[in-house]
């Protein structure tokens, strides 16, 4: 997944066990209610996740405070 490669590049997870690491992390985030898997009856495991708007806003706010990345400018969304 794109998220897995991003986290490997940032050094959040190691390449050696990346599939298991990302699965454990996403399962834990889901269990805590931070993410919700998007179910697809044709697939065994979810391939995408969604966030509640308040969780998304909090993540963006914290990322901005920590200078991780910028998604929004005064004119709106950058991407």
Protein backbone atom coordinates (compact mmCIF):
# COMPACT_ATOMS: atom_id res chain seq x y z
CA UNK A 1 0.00 0.00 0.00
CA UNK A 2 1.02 3.59 -0.46
CA UNK A 3 0.82 4.16 3.30
CA UNK A 4 3.24 1.29 3.93
CA UNK A 5 5.86 2.70 1.55
CA UNK A 6 5.42 6.18 3.01
CA UNK A 7 5.97 4.86 6.55
CA UNK A 8 9.03 2.86 5.41
CA UNK A 9 10.46 5.99 3.77
CA UNK A 10 9.87 8.05 6.92
CA UNK A 11 11.49 5.34 9.07
CA UNK A 12 8.32 4.61 11.07
CA UNK A 13 8.45 0.89 10.19
CA UNK A 14 11.19 -1.41 8.94
CA UNK A 15 11.15 -2.90 5.48
CA UNK A 16 11.88 -6.41 6.83
CA UNK A 17 8.48 -6.94 8.44
CA UNK A 18 6.50 -4.16 6.78
CA UNK A 19 3.37 -6.18 5.87
CA UNK A 20 2.92 -7.49 9.42
CA UNK A 21 3.78 -4.12 10.95
CA UNK A 22 1.27 -2.19 8.88
CA UNK A 23 -1.43 -4.80 9.55
CA UNK A 24 -0.85 -4.62 13.32
CA UNK A 25 -0.86 -0.80 13.30
CA UNK A 26 -4.01 -0.48 11.18
CA UNK A 27 -5.79 -3.14 13.26
CA UNK A 28 -4.86 -1.27 16.46
CA UNK A 29 -6.03 2.07 15.02
CA UNK A 30 -9.29 0.40 13.98
CA UNK A 31 -9.74 -1.18 17.41
CA UNK A 32 -9.31 2.24 19.04
CA UNK A 33 -11.80 3.84 16.64
CA UNK A 34 -9.28 6.08 14.87
CA UNK A 35 -9.82 4.36 11.52
CA UNK A 36 -12.70 2.39 10.07
CA UNK A 37 -12.01 -0.30 7.47
CA UNK A 38 -13.97 0.05 4.24
CA UNK A 39 -15.44 -3.41 3.71
CA UNK A 40 -15.46 -4.98 0.27
CA UNK A 41 -17.18 -8.35 -0.02
CA UNK A 42 -14.79 -9.36 -2.82
CA UNK A 43 -11.72 -9.04 -0.58
CA UNK A 44 -10.65 -10.86 2.58
CA UNK A 45 -8.94 -7.83 4.11
CA UNK A 46 -9.84 -4.17 3.74
CA UNK A 47 -7.73 -2.28 1.22
CA UNK A 48 -8.81 1.15 2.39
CA UNK A 49 -9.81 2.92 5.57
CA UNK A 50 -11.75 6.04 6.44
CA UNK A 51 -11.61 8.51 9.34
CA UNK A 52 -14.35 10.34 11.12
CA UNK A 53 -14.15 14.09 10.38
CA UNK A 54 -13.16 15.00 13.97
CA UNK A 55 -10.31 12.43 13.92
CA UNK A 56 -9.13 13.74 10.53
CA UNK A 57 -9.18 17.33 11.79
CA UNK A 58 -7.18 16.36 14.87
CA UNK A 59 -4.57 14.51 12.81
CA UNK A 60 -4.16 17.53 10.50
CA UNK A 61 -3.94 19.89 13.49
CA UNK A 62 -1.27 17.78 15.23
CA UNK A 63 0.73 17.29 12.02
CA UNK A 64 0.75 21.05 11.52
CA UNK A 65 1.87 21.67 15.11
CA UNK A 66 4.71 19.16 14.67
CA UNK A 67 5.70 20.58 11.25
CA UNK A 68 5.33 17.13 9.67
CA UNK A 69 3.73 18.35 6.46
CA UNK A 70 1.39 21.01 5.14
CA UNK A 71 -1.85 19.99 3.46
CA UNK A 72 -3.65 23.31 3.53
CA UNK A 73 -2.71 26.87 2.67
CA UNK A 74 -4.77 30.00 3.37
CA UNK A 75 -6.27 29.48 -0.12
CA UNK A 76 -7.38 25.89 0.58
CA UNK A 77 -6.18 22.34 0.12
CA UNK A 78 -2.80 21.97 -1.64
CA UNK A 79 -3.31 18.49 -3.09
